[in-house]
PDB file of N, CA and C in Angstrom:
ATOM      1  N   MET A   1      18.364 -33.329  37.331  1.00  0.00           N
ATOM      2  CA  MET A   1      18.297 -33.222  35.868  1.00  0.00           C
ATOM      3  C   MET A   1      16.997 -32.678  35.348  1.00  0.00           C
ATOM      4  N   ALA A   2      15.962 -33.010  35.980  1.00  0.00           N
ATOM      5  CA  ALA A   2      14.454 -32.836  35.604  1.00  0.00           C
ATOM      6  C   ALA A   2      14.294 -31.332  35.871  1.00  0.00           C
ATOM      7  N   ALA A   3      14.860 -30.715  37.051  1.00  0.00           N
ATOM      8  CA  ALA A   3      14.664 -29.396  37.481  1.00  0.00           C
ATOM      9  C   ALA A   3      15.278 -28.437  36.611  1.00  0.00           C
ATOM     10  N   LYS A   4      16.274 -28.872  35.768  1.00  0.00           N
ATOM     11  CA  LYS A   4      16.851 -27.943  34.782  1.00  0.00           C
ATOM     12  C   LYS A   4      15.899 -27.586  33.592  1.00  0.00           C
ATOM     13  N   TYR A   5      14.934 -28.533  33.254  1.00  0.00           N
ATOM     14  CA  TYR A   5      14.143 -28.227  32.217  1.00  0.00           C
ATOM     15  C   TYR A   5      12.694 -27.600  32.642  1.00  0.00           C
ATOM     16  N   LEU A   6      12.417 -27.707  33.886  1.00  0.00           N
ATOM     17  CA  LEU A   6      11.292 -27.092  34.318  1.00  0.00           C
ATOM     18  C   LEU A   6      11.203 -25.620  34.223  1.00  0.00           C
ATOM     19  N   ASN A   7      12.280 -25.027  34.440  1.00  0.00           N
ATOM     20  CA  ASN A   7      12.455 -23.576  34.405  1.00  0.00           C
ATOM     21  C   ASN A   7      12.786 -22.989  32.990  1.00  0.00           C
ATOM     22  N   ASN A   8      12.653 -23.931  31.915  1.00  0.00           N
ATOM     23  CA  ASN A   8      12.878 -23.370  30.626  1.00  0.00           C
ATOM     24  C   ASN A   8      11.695 -23.000  29.944  1.00  0.00           C
ATOM     25  N   ASP A   9      11.598 -21.701  29.703  1.00  0.00           N
ATOM     26  CA  ASP A   9      10.412 -21.016  29.065  1.00  0.00           C
ATOM     27  C   ASP A   9      10.506 -21.049  27.346  1.00  0.00           C
ATOM     28  N   LEU A  10      11.375 -21.554  26.840  1.00  0.00           N
ATOM     29  CA  LEU A  10      11.557 -21.571  25.337  1.00  0.00           C
ATOM     30  C   LEU A  10      10.272 -22.023  24.647  1.00  0.00           C
ATOM     31  N   HIS A  11       9.600 -23.000  25.212  1.00  0.00           N
ATOM     32  CA  HIS A  11       8.543 -23.541  24.579  1.00  0.00           C
ATOM     33  C   HIS A  11       7.363 -22.602  24.589  1.00  0.00           C
ATOM     34  N   LEU A  12       7.490 -21.556  25.305  1.00  0.00           N
ATOM     35  CA  LEU A  12       6.311 -20.527  25.385  1.00  0.00           C
ATOM     36  C   LEU A  12       6.501 -19.311  24.276  1.00  0.00           C
ATOM     37  N   GLU A  13       7.735 -19.329  23.583  1.00  0.00           N
ATOM     38  CA  GLU A  13       7.889 -18.342  22.698  1.00  0.00           C
ATOM     39  C   GLU A  13       7.517 -18.773  21.291  1.00  0.00           C
ATOM     40  N   SER A  14       7.042 -17.847  20.602  1.00  0.00           N
ATOM     41  CA  SER A  14       6.676 -18.103  19.234  1.00  0.00           C
ATOM     42  C   SER A  14       7.790 -18.429  18.368  1.00  0.00           C
ATOM     43  N   PRO A  15       7.485 -19.423  17.489  1.00  0.00           N
ATOM     44  CA  PRO A  15       8.759 -19.610  16.433  1.00  0.00           C
ATOM     45  C   PRO A  15       8.851 -18.680  15.397  1.00  0.00           C
ATOM     46  N   GLU A  16      10.008 -18.491  14.950  1.00  0.00           N
ATOM     47  CA  GLU A  16      10.107 -17.403  13.873  1.00  0.00           C
ATOM     48  C   GLU A  16       9.439 -17.936  12.717  1.00  0.00           C
ATOM     49  N   ASN A  17       8.601 -17.025  12.083  1.00  0.00           N
ATOM     50  CA  ASN A  17       7.793 -17.108  10.873  1.00  0.00           C
ATOM     51  C   ASN A  17       8.582 -16.431   9.737  1.00  0.00           C
ATOM     52  N   LYS A  18       9.537 -17.057   9.125  1.00  0.00           N
ATOM     53  CA  LYS A  18      10.441 -16.725   8.027  1.00  0.00           C
ATOM     54  C   LYS A  18       9.543 -16.994   6.886  1.00  0.00           C
ATOM     55  N   ARG A  19       8.837 -15.985   6.256  1.00  0.00           N
ATOM     56  CA  ARG A  19       8.269 -16.286   4.932  1.00  0.00           C
ATOM     57  C   ARG A  19       9.234 -16.079   3.927  1.00  0.00           C
ATOM     58  N   THR A  20       8.952 -16.907   2.762  1.00  0.00           N
ATOM     59  CA  THR A  20       9.817 -17.088   1.608  1.00  0.00           C
ATOM     60  C   THR A  20       9.207 -16.236   0.495  1.00  0.00           C
ATOM     61  N   PRO A  21       9.751 -15.326  -0.154  1.00  0.00           N
ATOM     62  CA  PRO A  21       9.145 -14.597  -1.315  1.00  0.00           C
ATOM     63  C   PRO A  21       8.839 -15.583  -2.501  1.00  0.00           C
ATOM     64  N   ILE A  22       7.812 -15.492  -3.244  1.00  0.00           N
ATOM     65  CA  ILE A  22       7.724 -16.317  -4.530  1.00  0.00           C
ATOM     66  C   ILE A  22       7.995 -15.382  -5.712  1.00  0.00           C
ATOM     67  N   TYR A  23       8.119 -14.223  -5.633  1.00  0.00           N
ATOM     68  CA  TYR A  23       8.500 -13.387  -6.758  1.00  0.00           C
ATOM     69  C   TYR A  23       9.330 -12.280  -6.337  1.00  0.00           C
ATOM     70  N   LYS A  24       9.956 -11.506  -7.186  1.00  0.00           N
ATOM     71  CA  LYS A  24      10.587 -10.316  -6.920  1.00  0.00           C
ATOM     72  C   LYS A  24      10.298  -9.353  -7.966  1.00  0.00           C
ATOM     73  N   CYS A  25       9.882  -8.148  -7.598  1.00  0.00           N
ATOM     74  CA  CYS A  25       9.558  -7.180  -8.623  1.00  0.00           C
ATOM     75  C   CYS A  25      10.628  -6.906  -9.485  1.00  0.00           C
ATOM     76  N   ASP A  26      10.491  -6.995 -10.789  1.00  0.00           N
ATOM     77  CA  ASP A  26      11.685  -6.575 -11.719  1.00  0.00           C
ATOM     78  C   ASP A  26      12.034  -5.242 -11.785  1.00  0.00           C
ATOM     79  N   ILE A  27      11.230  -4.320 -11.307  1.00  0.00           N
ATOM     80  CA  ILE A  27      11.374  -2.850 -11.403  1.00  0.00           C
ATOM     81  C   ILE A  27      12.150  -2.362 -10.144  1.00  0.00           C
ATOM     82  N   CYS A  28      11.550  -2.689  -8.884  1.00  0.00           N
ATOM     83  CA  CYS A  28      12.049  -2.062  -7.727  1.00  0.00           C
ATOM     84  C   CYS A  28      12.827  -3.163  -6.739  1.00  0.00           C
ATOM     85  N   ASP A  29      12.799  -4.295  -7.115  1.00  0.00           N
ATOM     86  CA  ASP A  29      13.410  -5.421  -6.476  1.00  0.00           C
ATOM     87  C   ASP A  29      12.637  -5.773  -5.135  1.00  0.00           C
ATOM     88  N   LYS A  30      11.401  -5.302  -5.066  1.00  0.00           N
ATOM     89  CA  LYS A  30      10.709  -5.575  -3.749  1.00  0.00           C
ATOM     90  C   LYS A  30      10.263  -7.172  -3.759  1.00  0.00           C
ATOM     91  N   GLU A  31      10.448  -7.782  -2.623  1.00  0.00           N
ATOM     92  CA  GLU A  31      10.002  -9.190  -2.454  1.00  0.00           C
ATOM     93  C   GLU A  31       8.501  -9.267  -2.638  1.00  0.00           C
ATOM     94  N   ILE A  32       7.936 -10.210  -3.118  1.00  0.00           N
ATOM     95  CA  ILE A  32       6.469 -10.407  -3.319  1.00  0.00           C
ATOM     96  C   ILE A  32       6.205 -11.800  -2.593  1.00  0.00           C
ATOM     97  N   PHE A  33       5.196 -11.811  -1.682  1.00  0.00           N
ATOM     98  CA  PHE A  33       5.008 -13.034  -1.017  1.00  0.00           C
ATOM     99  C   PHE A  33       3.624 -13.420  -1.385  1.00  0.00           C
ATOM    100  N   GLU A  34       3.388 -14.723  -0.996  1.00  0.00           N
ATOM    101  CA  GLU A  34       2.056 -15.369  -1.347  1.00  0.00           C
ATOM    102  C   GLU A  34       1.033 -14.599  -0.588  1.00  0.00           C
ATOM    103  N   GLY A  35       0.023 -14.145  -1.388  1.00  0.00           N
ATOM    104  CA  GLY A  35      -1.180 -13.348  -0.921  1.00  0.00           C
ATOM    105  C   GLY A  35      -0.983 -11.948  -1.346  1.00  0.00           C
ATOM    106  N   ASN A  36       0.208 -11.546  -1.757  1.00  0.00           N
ATOM    107  CA  ASN A  36       0.335 -10.081  -2.231  1.00  0.00           C
ATOM    108  C   ASN A  36       0.092 -10.054  -3.671  1.00  0.00           C
ATOM    109  N   ASP A  37      -0.496  -8.792  -4.084  1.00  0.00           N
ATOM    110  CA  ASP A  37      -0.817  -8.685  -5.500  1.00  0.00           C
ATOM    111  C   ASP A  37       0.488  -8.570  -6.326  1.00  0.00           C
ATOM    112  N   CYS A  38       0.498  -9.066  -7.398  1.00  0.00           N
ATOM    113  CA  CYS A  38       1.516  -8.943  -8.301  1.00  0.00           C
ATOM    114  C   CYS A  38       1.106  -9.133  -9.843  1.00  0.00           C
ATOM    115  N   TYR A  39       1.869  -8.631 -10.799  1.00  0.00           N
ATOM    116  CA  TYR A  39       1.257  -8.645 -12.081  1.00  0.00           C
ATOM    117  C   TYR A  39       2.339  -9.061 -13.151  1.00  0.00           C
ATOM    118  N   LYS A  40       2.050  -9.698 -14.256  1.00  0.00           N
ATOM    119  CA  LYS A  40       3.159 -10.095 -15.166  1.00  0.00           C
ATOM    120  C   LYS A  40       2.667  -9.542 -16.610  1.00  0.00           C
ATOM    121  N   ILE A  41       3.491  -8.671 -17.093  1.00  0.00           N
ATOM    122  CA  ILE A  41       3.395  -8.418 -18.535  1.00  0.00           C
ATOM    123  C   ILE A  41       4.488  -8.579 -19.218  1.00  0.00           C
ATOM    124  N   ALA A  42       4.521  -9.235 -20.349  1.00  0.00           N
ATOM    125  CA  ALA A  42       5.659  -9.651 -21.170  1.00  0.00           C
ATOM    126  C   ALA A  42       6.862 -10.068 -20.373  1.00  0.00           C
ATOM    127  N   ASP A  43       6.543 -11.054 -19.509  1.00  0.00           N
ATOM    128  CA  ASP A  43       7.733 -11.681 -18.640  1.00  0.00           C
ATOM    129  C   ASP A  43       8.302 -10.625 -17.652  1.00  0.00           C
ATOM    130  N   ILE A  44       7.673  -9.563 -17.489  1.00  0.00           N
ATOM    131  CA  ILE A  44       8.151  -8.668 -16.362  1.00  0.00           C
ATOM    132  C   ILE A  44       7.213  -8.804 -15.237  1.00  0.00           C
ATOM    133  N   ILE A  45       7.813  -8.948 -13.989  1.00  0.00           N
ATOM    134  CA  ILE A  45       7.020  -9.165 -12.870  1.00  0.00           C
ATOM    135  C   ILE A  45       7.045  -7.702 -12.185  1.00  0.00           C
ATOM    136  N   TYR A  46       5.655  -7.153 -11.808  1.00  0.00           N
ATOM    137  CA  TYR A  46       5.486  -5.898 -11.155  1.00  0.00           C
ATOM    138  C   TYR A  46       4.979  -6.178  -9.787  1.00  0.00           C
ATOM    139  N   CYS A  47       5.333  -5.381  -8.878  1.00  0.00           N
ATOM    140  CA  CYS A  47       4.597  -5.259  -7.520  1.00  0.00           C
ATOM    141  C   CYS A  47       3.492  -4.310  -7.700  1.00  0.00           C
ATOM    142  N   SER A  48       2.468  -4.239  -6.943  1.00  0.00           N
ATOM    143  CA  SER A  48       1.311  -3.422  -7.119  1.00  0.00           C
ATOM    144  C   SER A  48       1.599  -2.030  -7.160  1.00  0.00           C
ATOM    145  N   LYS A  49       2.688  -1.418  -6.484  1.00  0.00           N
ATOM    146  CA  LYS A  49       3.045  -0.105  -6.548  1.00  0.00           C
ATOM    147  C   LYS A  49       3.674   0.326  -7.927  1.00  0.00           C
ATOM    148  N   CYS A  50       4.572  -0.617  -8.524  1.00  0.00           N
ATOM    149  CA  CYS A  50       5.057  -0.347  -9.801  1.00  0.00           C
ATOM    150  C   CYS A  50       4.110  -0.475 -10.854  1.00  0.00           C
ATOM    151  N   MET A  51       3.132  -1.491 -10.606  1.00  0.00           N
ATOM    152  CA  MET A  51       2.041  -1.627 -11.681  1.00  0.00           C
ATOM    153  C   MET A  51       1.237  -0.356 -11.770  1.00  0.00           C
ATOM    154  N   ASP A  52       0.777   0.280 -10.644  1.00  0.00           N
ATOM    155  CA  ASP A  52       0.147   1.579 -10.670  1.00  0.00           C
ATOM    156  C   ASP A  52       0.910   2.605 -11.385  1.00  0.00           C
ATOM    157  N   ALA A  53       2.367   2.633 -11.089  1.00  0.00           N
ATOM    158  CA  ALA A  53       2.978   3.611 -11.707  1.00  0.00           C
ATOM    159  C   ALA A  53       3.152   3.433 -13.317  1.00  0.00           C
ATOM    160  N   HIS A  54       3.296   2.157 -13.661  1.00  0.00           N
ATOM    161  CA  HIS A  54       3.325   1.726 -15.093  1.00  0.00           C
ATOM    162  C   HIS A  54       2.013   2.053 -15.757  1.00  0.00           C
ATOM    163  N   LEU A  55       0.939   1.813 -15.159  1.00  0.00           N
ATOM    164  CA  LEU A  55      -0.405   2.233 -15.903  1.00  0.00           C
ATOM    165  C   LEU A  55      -0.650   3.660 -15.969  1.00  0.00           C
ATOM    166  N   GLN A  56      -0.125   4.479 -14.897  1.00  0.00           N
ATOM    167  CA  GLN A  56      -0.098   5.908 -15.182  1.00  0.00           C
ATOM    168  C   GLN A  56       0.617   6.453 -16.217  1.00  0.00           C
ATOM    169  N   ILE A  57       1.667   5.821 -16.467  1.00  0.00           N
ATOM    170  CA  ILE A  57       2.667   6.275 -17.535  1.00  0.00           C
ATOM    171  C   ILE A  57       1.991   5.928 -18.946  1.00  0.00           C
ATOM    172  N   ILE A  58       1.384   4.667 -18.990  1.00  0.00           N
ATOM    173  CA  ILE A  58       0.885   4.361 -20.325  1.00  0.00           C
ATOM    174  C   ILE A  58      -0.535   4.728 -20.636  1.00  0.00           C
ATOM    175  N   ALA A  59      -1.216   4.945 -19.601  1.00  0.00           N
ATOM    176  CA  ALA A  59      -2.612   5.269 -19.749  1.00  0.00           C
ATOM    177  C   ALA A  59      -2.811   6.755 -20.446  1.00  0.00           C
ATOM    178  N   GLU A  60      -3.854   6.775 -21.254  1.00  0.00           N
ATOM    179  CA  GLU A  60      -4.252   8.050 -21.992  1.00  0.00           C
ATOM    180  C   GLU A  60      -5.115   8.817 -20.950  1.00  0.00           C
ATOM    181  N   THR A  61      -4.807  10.032 -20.841  1.00  0.00           N
ATOM    182  CA  THR A  61      -5.471  10.989 -20.035  1.00  0.00           C
ATOM    183  C   THR A  61      -6.858  11.284 -20.750  1.00  0.00           C
ATOM    184  N   ILE A  62      -7.972  11.127 -20.068  1.00  0.00           N
ATOM    185  CA  ILE A  62      -9.446  11.332 -20.490  1.00  0.00           C
ATOM    186  C   ILE A  62      -9.948  12.642 -20.069  1.00  0.00           C
ATOM    187  N   ASP A  63     -10.422  13.437 -20.984  1.00  0.00           N
ATOM    188  CA  ASP A  63     -11.114  14.665 -20.612  1.00  0.00           C
ATOM    189  C   ASP A  63     -12.558  14.356 -20.387  1.00  0.00           C
ATOM    190  N   THR A  64     -12.921  13.866 -19.125  1.00  0.00           N
ATOM    191  CA  THR A  64     -14.303  13.409 -18.903  1.00  0.00           C
ATOM    192  C   THR A  64     -15.245  14.508 -19.015  1.00  0.00           C
ATOM    193  N   GLU A  65     -14.882  15.800 -18.737  1.00  0.00           N
ATOM    194  CA  GLU A  65     -15.899  16.912 -18.891  1.00  0.00           C
ATOM    195  C   GLU A  65     -16.234  16.963 -20.272  1.00  0.00           C
ATOM    196  N   ALA A  66     -15.169  17.024 -21.185  1.00  0.00           N
ATOM    197  CA  ALA A  66     -15.588  17.224 -22.825  1.00  0.00           C
ATOM    198  C   ALA A  66     -16.353  16.014 -23.292  1.00  0.00           C
ATOM    199  N   PHE A  67     -15.979  14.776 -22.793  1.00  0.00           N
ATOM    200  CA  PHE A  67     -16.806  13.589 -23.127  1.00  0.00           C
ATOM    201  C   PHE A  67     -18.219  13.740 -22.728  1.00  0.00           C
ATOM    202  N   LEU A  68     -18.550  14.293 -21.538  1.00  0.00           N
ATOM    203  CA  LEU A  68     -19.907  14.436 -21.073  1.00  0.00           C
ATOM    204  C   LEU A  68     -20.727  15.382 -21.859  1.00  0.00           C
ATOM    205  N   VAL A  69     -20.051  16.523 -22.258  1.00  0.00           N
ATOM    206  CA  VAL A  69     -20.588  17.588 -23.027  1.00  0.00           C
ATOM    207  C   VAL A  69     -21.042  17.028 -24.597  1.00  0.00           C
ATOM    208  N   LYS A  70     -20.060  16.389 -24.972  1.00  0.00           N
ATOM    209  CA  LYS A  70     -20.202  15.699 -26.371  1.00  0.00           C
ATOM    210  C   LYS A  70     -21.325  14.703 -26.323  1.00  0.00           C
ATOM    211  N   LEU A  71     -21.415  13.837 -25.177  1.00  0.00           N
ATOM    212  CA  LEU A  71     -22.473  12.924 -25.077  1.00  0.00           C
ATOM    213  C   LEU A  71     -23.772  13.542 -24.981  1.00  0.00           C
ATOM    214  N   GLU A  72     -23.897  14.684 -24.203  1.00  0.00           N
ATOM    215  CA  GLU A  72     -25.038  15.335 -23.916  1.00  0.00           C
ATOM    216  C   GLU A  72     -25.413  16.052 -25.300  1.00  0.00           C
ATOM    217  N   ASN A  73     -24.687  16.479 -26.076  1.00  0.00           N
ATOM    218  CA  ASN A  73     -25.031  17.146 -27.405  1.00  0.00           C
ATOM    219  C   ASN A  73     -25.523  16.052 -28.392  1.00  0.00           C
ATOM    220  N   GLU A  74     -24.986  14.985 -28.299  1.00  0.00           N
ATOM    221  CA  GLU A  74     -25.503  13.911 -29.245  1.00  0.00           C
ATOM    222  C   GLU A  74     -26.944  13.416 -28.881  1.00  0.00           C
ATOM    223  N   GLU A  75     -27.267  13.465 -27.496  1.00  0.00           N
ATOM    224  CA  GLU A  75     -28.582  13.024 -27.083  1.00  0.00           C
ATOM    225  C   GLU A  75     -29.463  14.009 -27.478  1.00  0.00           C
ATOM    226  N   VAL A  76     -29.270  15.351 -27.454  1.00  0.00           N
ATOM    227  CA  VAL A  76     -30.022  16.487 -27.842  1.00  0.00           C
ATOM    228  C   VAL A  76     -30.303  16.447 -29.251  1.00  0.00           C
ATOM    229  N   GLY A  77     -29.373  16.112 -30.134  1.00  0.00           N
ATOM    230  CA  GLY A  77     -29.380  16.135 -31.488  1.00  0.00           C
ATOM    231  C   GLY A  77     -30.300  14.991 -32.135  1.00  0.00           C
ATOM    232  N   ASP A  78     -30.537  13.952 -31.389  1.00  0.00           N
ATOM    233  CA  ASP A  78     -31.319  12.838 -31.880  1.00  0.00           C
ATOM    234  C   ASP A  78     -32.764  13.072 -31.980  1.00  0.00           C
TER     235      ASP A  78
END
């Protein structure tokens, strides 16, 4: 009976690490696990990819060149 268990190599295999998601992105349905970045705005959960897209949509484009020229002109005028 003991010889049956001596050849059993199951104890050498790694156990399955099944992670459980803590959130799900409300936009793309991607599972979000502990340690992953996620964001919540108005009770909507965003994964980092969807949050980047959301910010690009709502953000105002800034003309940095015009801003620097304006800043330079203000400094000269003082």
